PDB file of N, CA and C in Angstrom:
ATOM      1  N   MET A   1       7.008   3.686   3.961  1.00  0.00           N
ATOM      2  CA  MET A   1       6.369   2.771   3.145  1.00  0.00           C
ATOM      3  C   MET A   1       5.621   3.659   1.894  1.00  0.00           C
ATOM      4  N   SER A   2       6.538   4.605   1.805  1.00  0.00           N
ATOM      5  CA  SER A   2       6.568   5.235   0.458  1.00  0.00           C
ATOM      6  C   SER A   2       6.463   4.909  -0.924  1.00  0.00           C
ATOM      7  N   LEU A   3       5.159   5.035  -1.742  1.00  0.00           N
ATOM      8  CA  LEU A   3       5.067   3.967  -2.702  1.00  0.00           C
ATOM      9  C   LEU A   3       5.068   5.418  -3.845  1.00  0.00           C
ATOM     10  N   LYS A   4       5.780   4.985  -4.958  1.00  0.00           N
ATOM     11  CA  LYS A   4       5.623   6.047  -6.259  1.00  0.00           C
ATOM     12  C   LYS A   4       4.140   6.002  -6.580  1.00  0.00           C
ATOM     13  N   THR A   5       4.359   7.030  -7.810  1.00  0.00           N
ATOM     14  CA  THR A   5       3.313   7.232  -8.196  1.00  0.00           C
ATOM     15  C   THR A   5       2.775   6.289  -8.999  1.00  0.00           C
ATOM     16  N   SER A   6       3.751   5.748  -9.989  1.00  0.00           N
ATOM     17  CA  SER A   6       3.436   4.476 -11.045  1.00  0.00           C
ATOM     18  C   SER A   6       3.104   3.791 -10.310  1.00  0.00           C
ATOM     19  N   ASP A   7       3.346   3.087  -8.960  1.00  0.00           N
ATOM     20  CA  ASP A   7       2.689   1.876  -8.011  1.00  0.00           C
ATOM     21  C   ASP A   7       1.487   2.224  -8.039  1.00  0.00           C
ATOM     22  N   LEU A   8       1.095   3.450  -7.423  1.00  0.00           N
ATOM     23  CA  LEU A   8      -0.520   3.487  -6.942  1.00  0.00           C
ATOM     24  C   LEU A   8      -1.488   3.571  -8.358  1.00  0.00           C
ATOM     25  N   VAL A   9      -0.809   3.751  -9.331  1.00  0.00           N
ATOM     26  CA  VAL A   9      -1.810   3.948 -10.568  1.00  0.00           C
ATOM     27  C   VAL A   9      -2.337   2.254 -10.924  1.00  0.00           C
ATOM     28  N   ASN A  10      -1.459   1.403 -10.540  1.00  0.00           N
ATOM     29  CA  ASN A  10      -1.767  -0.108 -10.563  1.00  0.00           C
ATOM     30  C   ASN A  10      -2.712  -0.968  -9.296  1.00  0.00           C
ATOM     31  N   LEU A  11      -2.707  -0.265  -8.344  1.00  0.00           N
ATOM     32  CA  LEU A  11      -3.494  -0.897  -7.137  1.00  0.00           C
ATOM     33  C   LEU A  11      -4.988  -0.384  -7.919  1.00  0.00           C
ATOM     34  N   ASN A  12      -5.697  -1.423  -7.534  1.00  0.00           N
ATOM     35  CA  ASN A  12      -7.026  -1.050  -7.733  1.00  0.00           C
ATOM     36  C   ASN A  12      -7.975  -0.396  -6.410  1.00  0.00           C
ATOM     37  N   LYS A  13      -9.075   0.090  -6.388  1.00  0.00           N
ATOM     38  CA  LYS A  13      -9.726   1.007  -5.735  1.00  0.00           C
ATOM     39  C   LYS A  13      -9.829   0.683  -4.041  1.00  0.00           C
ATOM     40  N   GLU A  14      -9.981  -0.701  -3.894  1.00  0.00           N
ATOM     41  CA  GLU A  14      -9.980  -1.338  -2.703  1.00  0.00           C
ATOM     42  C   GLU A  14      -8.625  -1.264  -1.895  1.00  0.00           C
ATOM     43  N   ASP A  15      -7.783  -1.608  -2.870  1.00  0.00           N
ATOM     44  CA  ASP A  15      -6.243  -1.567  -1.885  1.00  0.00           C
ATOM     45  C   ASP A  15      -5.756   0.021  -1.562  1.00  0.00           C
ATOM     46  N   LEU A  16      -6.176   1.166  -2.812  1.00  0.00           N
ATOM     47  CA  LEU A  16      -5.706   2.303  -2.473  1.00  0.00           C
ATOM     48  C   LEU A  16      -6.569   2.740  -0.830  1.00  0.00           C
ATOM     49  N   THR A  17      -7.738   2.184  -0.868  1.00  0.00           N
ATOM     50  CA  THR A  17      -8.841   2.911   0.039  1.00  0.00           C
ATOM     51  C   THR A  17      -8.286   2.327   1.395  1.00  0.00           C
ATOM     52  N   GLN A  18      -7.728   0.873   1.513  1.00  0.00           N
ATOM     53  CA  GLN A  18      -7.372   0.364   2.630  1.00  0.00           C
ATOM     54  C   GLN A  18      -6.013   0.858   2.840  1.00  0.00           C
ATOM     55  N   LYS A  19      -5.033   1.273   2.100  1.00  0.00           N
ATOM     56  CA  LYS A  19      -3.697   1.893   2.277  1.00  0.00           C
ATOM     57  C   LYS A  19      -3.843   3.316   3.019  1.00  0.00           C
ATOM     58  N   ILE A  20      -4.858   4.204   2.161  1.00  0.00           N
ATOM     59  CA  ILE A  20      -5.239   5.277   3.379  1.00  0.00           C
ATOM     60  C   ILE A  20      -5.594   5.308   4.522  1.00  0.00           C
ATOM     61  N   ILE A  21      -5.979   4.292   4.521  1.00  0.00           N
ATOM     62  CA  ILE A  21      -6.462   4.400   6.069  1.00  0.00           C
ATOM     63  C   ILE A  21      -5.964   3.798   7.195  1.00  0.00           C
ATOM     64  N   GLU A  22      -4.744   2.922   6.807  1.00  0.00           N
ATOM     65  CA  GLU A  22      -3.894   2.877   7.323  1.00  0.00           C
ATOM     66  C   GLU A  22      -2.837   3.762   7.629  1.00  0.00           C
ATOM     67  N   LEU A  23      -2.825   4.759   6.769  1.00  0.00           N
ATOM     68  CA  LEU A  23      -1.979   5.889   6.987  1.00  0.00           C
ATOM     69  C   LEU A  23      -2.542   7.043   7.577  1.00  0.00           C
ATOM     70  N   LYS A  24      -3.361   6.984   7.875  1.00  0.00           N
ATOM     71  CA  LYS A  24      -4.331   8.184   8.649  1.00  0.00           C
ATOM     72  C   LYS A  24      -4.052   7.488   9.868  1.00  0.00           C
ATOM     73  N   GLN A  25      -4.384   6.256  10.226  1.00  0.00           N
ATOM     74  CA  GLN A  25      -4.180   5.750  11.507  1.00  0.00           C
ATOM     75  C   GLN A  25      -2.770   5.843  12.192  1.00  0.00           C
ATOM     76  N   GLU A  26      -1.982   5.576  11.410  1.00  0.00           N
ATOM     77  CA  GLU A  26      -0.515   5.913  11.857  1.00  0.00           C
ATOM     78  C   GLU A  26      -0.106   7.419  11.724  1.00  0.00           C
ATOM     79  N   LEU A  27      -0.992   8.394  10.961  1.00  0.00           N
ATOM     80  CA  LEU A  27      -0.530   9.994  11.293  1.00  0.00           C
ATOM     81  C   LEU A  27      -1.316  10.553  12.652  1.00  0.00           C
ATOM     82  N   ALA A  28      -2.142   9.853  13.046  1.00  0.00           N
ATOM     83  CA  ALA A  28      -3.127  10.048  14.203  1.00  0.00           C
ATOM     84  C   ALA A  28      -2.147   9.545  15.323  1.00  0.00           C
ATOM     85  N   LYS A  29      -1.677   8.643  15.344  1.00  0.00           N
ATOM     86  CA  LYS A  29      -0.782   7.904  16.290  1.00  0.00           C
ATOM     87  C   LYS A  29       0.392   8.728  16.657  1.00  0.00           C
ATOM     88  N   GLU A  30       1.035   9.435  15.614  1.00  0.00           N
ATOM     89  CA  GLU A  30       2.272  10.167  15.474  1.00  0.00           C
ATOM     90  C   GLU A  30       1.817  11.451  15.893  1.00  0.00           C
ATOM     91  N   ARG A  31       0.596  12.254  15.525  1.00  0.00           N
ATOM     92  CA  ARG A  31      -0.248  13.519  16.134  1.00  0.00           C
ATOM     93  C   ARG A  31      -0.066  13.243  17.849  1.00  0.00           C
ATOM     94  N   ALA A  32      -0.541  11.918  18.337  1.00  0.00           N
ATOM     95  CA  ALA A  32      -1.093  11.513  19.883  1.00  0.00           C
ATOM     96  C   ALA A  32       0.244  11.472  20.220  1.00  0.00           C
ATOM     97  N   THR A  33       1.506  10.928  19.670  1.00  0.00           N
ATOM     98  CA  THR A  33       2.530  10.883  20.661  1.00  0.00           C
ATOM     99  C   THR A  33       3.150  12.324  20.691  1.00  0.00           C
ATOM    100  N   ILE A  34       3.388  13.275  19.678  1.00  0.00           N
ATOM    101  CA  ILE A  34       3.842  14.734  19.911  1.00  0.00           C
ATOM    102  C   ILE A  34       2.872  15.341  20.891  1.00  0.00           C
ATOM    103  N   ALA A  35       1.460  15.337  20.878  1.00  0.00           N
ATOM    104  CA  ALA A  35       0.583  16.020  21.719  1.00  0.00           C
ATOM    105  C   ALA A  35       0.868  15.550  23.088  1.00  0.00           C
ATOM    106  N   SER A  36       1.358  14.184  23.423  1.00  0.00           N
ATOM    107  CA  SER A  36       1.605  13.831  25.002  1.00  0.00           C
ATOM    108  C   SER A  36       3.131  14.187  25.494  1.00  0.00           C
ATOM    109  N   GLY A  37       3.643  15.038  24.456  1.00  0.00           N
ATOM    110  CA  GLY A  37       4.965  15.464  25.223  1.00  0.00           C
ATOM    111  C   GLY A  37       6.266  15.085  24.764  1.00  0.00           C
ATOM    112  N   THR A  38       5.960  13.530  23.980  1.00  0.00           N
ATOM    113  CA  THR A  38       7.184  13.077  23.590  1.00  0.00           C
ATOM    114  C   THR A  38       7.757  13.462  22.341  1.00  0.00           C
ATOM    115  N   ARG A  39       8.934  13.160  22.541  1.00  0.00           N
ATOM    116  CA  ARG A  39       9.815  13.664  20.842  1.00  0.00           C
ATOM    117  C   ARG A  39       9.384  12.380  20.151  1.00  0.00           C
ATOM    118  N   SER A  40       9.342  12.961  18.483  1.00  0.00           N
ATOM    119  CA  SER A  40       9.116  11.757  17.466  1.00  0.00           C
ATOM    120  C   SER A  40      10.465  11.418  17.291  1.00  0.00           C
ATOM    121  N   GLU A  41      10.692  10.226  16.940  1.00  0.00           N
ATOM    122  CA  GLU A  41      11.839   9.602  16.474  1.00  0.00           C
ATOM    123  C   GLU A  41      12.334  10.184  15.076  1.00  0.00           C
ATOM    124  N   ASN A  42      11.465  10.666  14.383  1.00  0.00           N
ATOM    125  CA  ASN A  42      11.460  11.075  12.950  1.00  0.00           C
ATOM    126  C   ASN A  42      10.846  12.408  12.911  1.00  0.00           C
ATOM    127  N   PRO A  43      11.078  13.646  12.723  1.00  0.00           N
ATOM    128  CA  PRO A  43      10.530  14.546  12.520  1.00  0.00           C
ATOM    129  C   PRO A  43       9.983  14.601  11.286  1.00  0.00           C
ATOM    130  N   GLY A  44      10.351  14.546  10.277  1.00  0.00           N
ATOM    131  CA  GLY A  44       9.731  14.061   9.021  1.00  0.00           C
ATOM    132  C   GLY A  44       8.164  13.431   8.888  1.00  0.00           C
ATOM    133  N   LYS A  45       8.449  12.694   9.892  1.00  0.00           N
ATOM    134  CA  LYS A  45       7.465  11.641   9.277  1.00  0.00           C
ATOM    135  C   LYS A  45       6.091  12.122   9.274  1.00  0.00           C
ATOM    136  N   ILE A  46       5.277  13.112  10.328  1.00  0.00           N
ATOM    137  CA  ILE A  46       4.250  13.835   9.777  1.00  0.00           C
ATOM    138  C   ILE A  46       3.838  14.503   8.403  1.00  0.00           C
ATOM    139  N   ARG A  47       4.821  14.911   8.025  1.00  0.00           N
ATOM    140  CA  ARG A  47       4.951  15.887   6.617  1.00  0.00           C
ATOM    141  C   ARG A  47       5.010  14.551   5.514  1.00  0.00           C
ATOM    142  N   LYS A  48       6.078  13.549   5.736  1.00  0.00           N
ATOM    143  CA  LYS A  48       5.824  12.200   4.270  1.00  0.00           C
ATOM    144  C   LYS A  48       4.232  11.389   4.682  1.00  0.00           C
ATOM    145  N   LEU A  49       3.857  11.582   5.910  1.00  0.00           N
ATOM    146  CA  LEU A  49       2.615  10.491   6.017  1.00  0.00           C
ATOM    147  C   LEU A  49       1.434  11.466   5.393  1.00  0.00           C
ATOM    148  N   ARG A  50       1.408  12.835   5.760  1.00  0.00           N
ATOM    149  CA  ARG A  50       0.856  13.720   4.845  1.00  0.00           C
ATOM    150  C   ARG A  50       0.737  13.698   3.276  1.00  0.00           C
ATOM    151  N   ARG A  51       2.097  13.308   2.760  1.00  0.00           N
ATOM    152  CA  ARG A  51       2.145  13.883   1.413  1.00  0.00           C
ATOM    153  C   ARG A  51       1.459  12.287   0.558  1.00  0.00           C
ATOM    154  N   ASP A  52       2.097  11.551   1.522  1.00  0.00           N
ATOM    155  CA  ASP A  52       1.536  10.164   0.732  1.00  0.00           C
ATOM    156  C   ASP A  52       0.283  10.019   0.878  1.00  0.00           C
ATOM    157  N   ILE A  53      -0.493  10.261   2.028  1.00  0.00           N
ATOM    158  CA  ILE A  53      -1.898  10.285   1.743  1.00  0.00           C
ATOM    159  C   ILE A  53      -2.728  11.136   0.570  1.00  0.00           C
ATOM    160  N   ALA A  54      -2.193  12.125   0.414  1.00  0.00           N
ATOM    161  CA  ALA A  54      -2.425  13.168  -0.602  1.00  0.00           C
ATOM    162  C   ALA A  54      -2.500  12.912  -1.863  1.00  0.00           C
ATOM    163  N   ARG A  55      -0.928  11.798  -2.166  1.00  0.00           N
ATOM    164  CA  ARG A  55      -0.606  10.965  -3.042  1.00  0.00           C
ATOM    165  C   ARG A  55      -1.709   9.822  -3.491  1.00  0.00           C
ATOM    166  N   MET A  56      -1.827   9.189  -2.745  1.00  0.00           N
ATOM    167  CA  MET A  56      -3.094   8.372  -2.745  1.00  0.00           C
ATOM    168  C   MET A  56      -4.540   8.783  -2.956  1.00  0.00           C
ATOM    169  N   LEU A  57      -4.748   9.564  -2.135  1.00  0.00           N
ATOM    170  CA  LEU A  57      -5.687  10.147  -2.716  1.00  0.00           C
ATOM    171  C   LEU A  57      -6.065  10.909  -4.156  1.00  0.00           C
ATOM    172  N   THR A  58      -5.028  11.635  -4.462  1.00  0.00           N
ATOM    173  CA  THR A  58      -5.275  11.803  -5.596  1.00  0.00           C
ATOM    174  C   THR A  58      -5.170  10.947  -7.095  1.00  0.00           C
ATOM    175  N   ALA A  59      -4.174   9.584  -6.701  1.00  0.00           N
ATOM    176  CA  ALA A  59      -4.971   8.487  -7.633  1.00  0.00           C
ATOM    177  C   ALA A  59      -6.030   8.181  -7.666  1.00  0.00           C
ATOM    178  N   LEU A  60      -6.805   8.032  -6.284  1.00  0.00           N
ATOM    179  CA  LEU A  60      -7.973   7.298  -6.130  1.00  0.00           C
ATOM    180  C   LEU A  60      -9.343   8.170  -7.078  1.00  0.00           C
ATOM    181  N   ASN A  61      -8.696   9.514  -6.829  1.00  0.00           N
ATOM    182  CA  ASN A  61      -9.854  10.305  -7.679  1.00  0.00           C
ATOM    183  C   ASN A  61      -9.706  10.433  -9.150  1.00  0.00           C
ATOM    184  N   THR A  62      -8.158   9.992  -9.643  1.00  0.00           N
ATOM    185  CA  THR A  62      -8.231  10.308 -11.009  1.00  0.00           C
ATOM    186  C   THR A  62      -8.740   8.507 -11.453  1.00  0.00           C
ATOM    187  N   LYS A  63      -8.661   7.782 -10.492  1.00  0.00           N
ATOM    188  CA  LYS A  63      -9.280   6.410 -11.258  1.00  0.00           C
ATOM    189  C   LYS A  63     -11.210   6.669 -11.408  1.00  0.00           C
ATOM    190  N   LYS A  64     -11.528   7.253 -10.229  1.00  0.00           N
ATOM    191  CA  LYS A  64     -12.790   7.612 -10.605  1.00  0.00           C
ATOM    192  C   LYS A  64     -12.969   8.600 -11.355  1.00  0.00           C
ATOM    193  N   GLU A  65     -12.329   9.474 -11.845  1.00  0.00           N
ATOM    194  CA  GLU A  65     -12.664  10.443 -13.231  1.00  0.00           C
ATOM    195  C   GLU A  65     -12.241   9.884 -14.466  1.00  0.00           C
ATOM    196  N   ASN A  66     -11.592   8.685 -14.629  1.00  0.00           N
ATOM    197  CA  ASN A  66     -11.355   7.984 -15.585  1.00  0.00           C
ATOM    198  C   ASN A  66     -12.413   6.929 -16.230  1.00  0.00           C
ATOM    199  N   LYS A  67     -12.988   6.417 -14.815  1.00  0.00           N
ATOM    200  CA  LYS A  67     -14.214   5.857 -15.206  1.00  0.00           C
ATOM    201  C   LYS A  67     -15.524   6.649 -15.211  1.00  0.00           C
ATOM    202  N   ASN A  68     -15.765   7.853 -14.863  1.00  0.00           N
ATOM    203  CA  ASN A  68     -16.861   8.333 -15.746  1.00  0.00           C
ATOM    204  C   ASN A  68     -16.715   9.047 -16.692  1.00  0.00           C
ATOM    205  N   ALA A  69     -15.187   9.261 -17.090  1.00  0.00           N
ATOM    206  CA  ALA A  69     -15.129  10.084 -18.616  1.00  0.00           C
ATOM    207  C   ALA A  69     -15.289   8.474 -19.350  1.00  0.00           C
ATOM    208  N   ARG A  70     -15.481   7.490 -19.247  1.00  0.00           N
ATOM    209  CA  ARG A  70     -15.463   6.009 -20.357  1.00  0.00           C
ATOM    210  C   ARG A  70     -17.083   6.028 -20.354  1.00  0.00           C
ATOM    211  N   ASN A  71     -17.766   6.364 -19.339  1.00  0.00           N
ATOM    212  CA  ASN A  71     -19.163   6.321 -19.267  1.00  0.00           C
ATOM    213  C   ASN A  71     -19.903   6.900 -20.259  1.00  0.00           C
TER     214      ASN A  71
END
């Protein structure tokens, strides 16, 4: 589900927030799977999820800063 930064800029704040929540839930599931002792199908998935969440948070904060700069 990796989105490019240019795609994230075009999303509104509500969509970004919803996608962040979805990714955090997916990350929690992956961590629970590993904690239960089973192997993950894709070992790099946690890293990818964390980076996607960070990318979305950055886009969200940038939108907030731009809004504050205009006022």
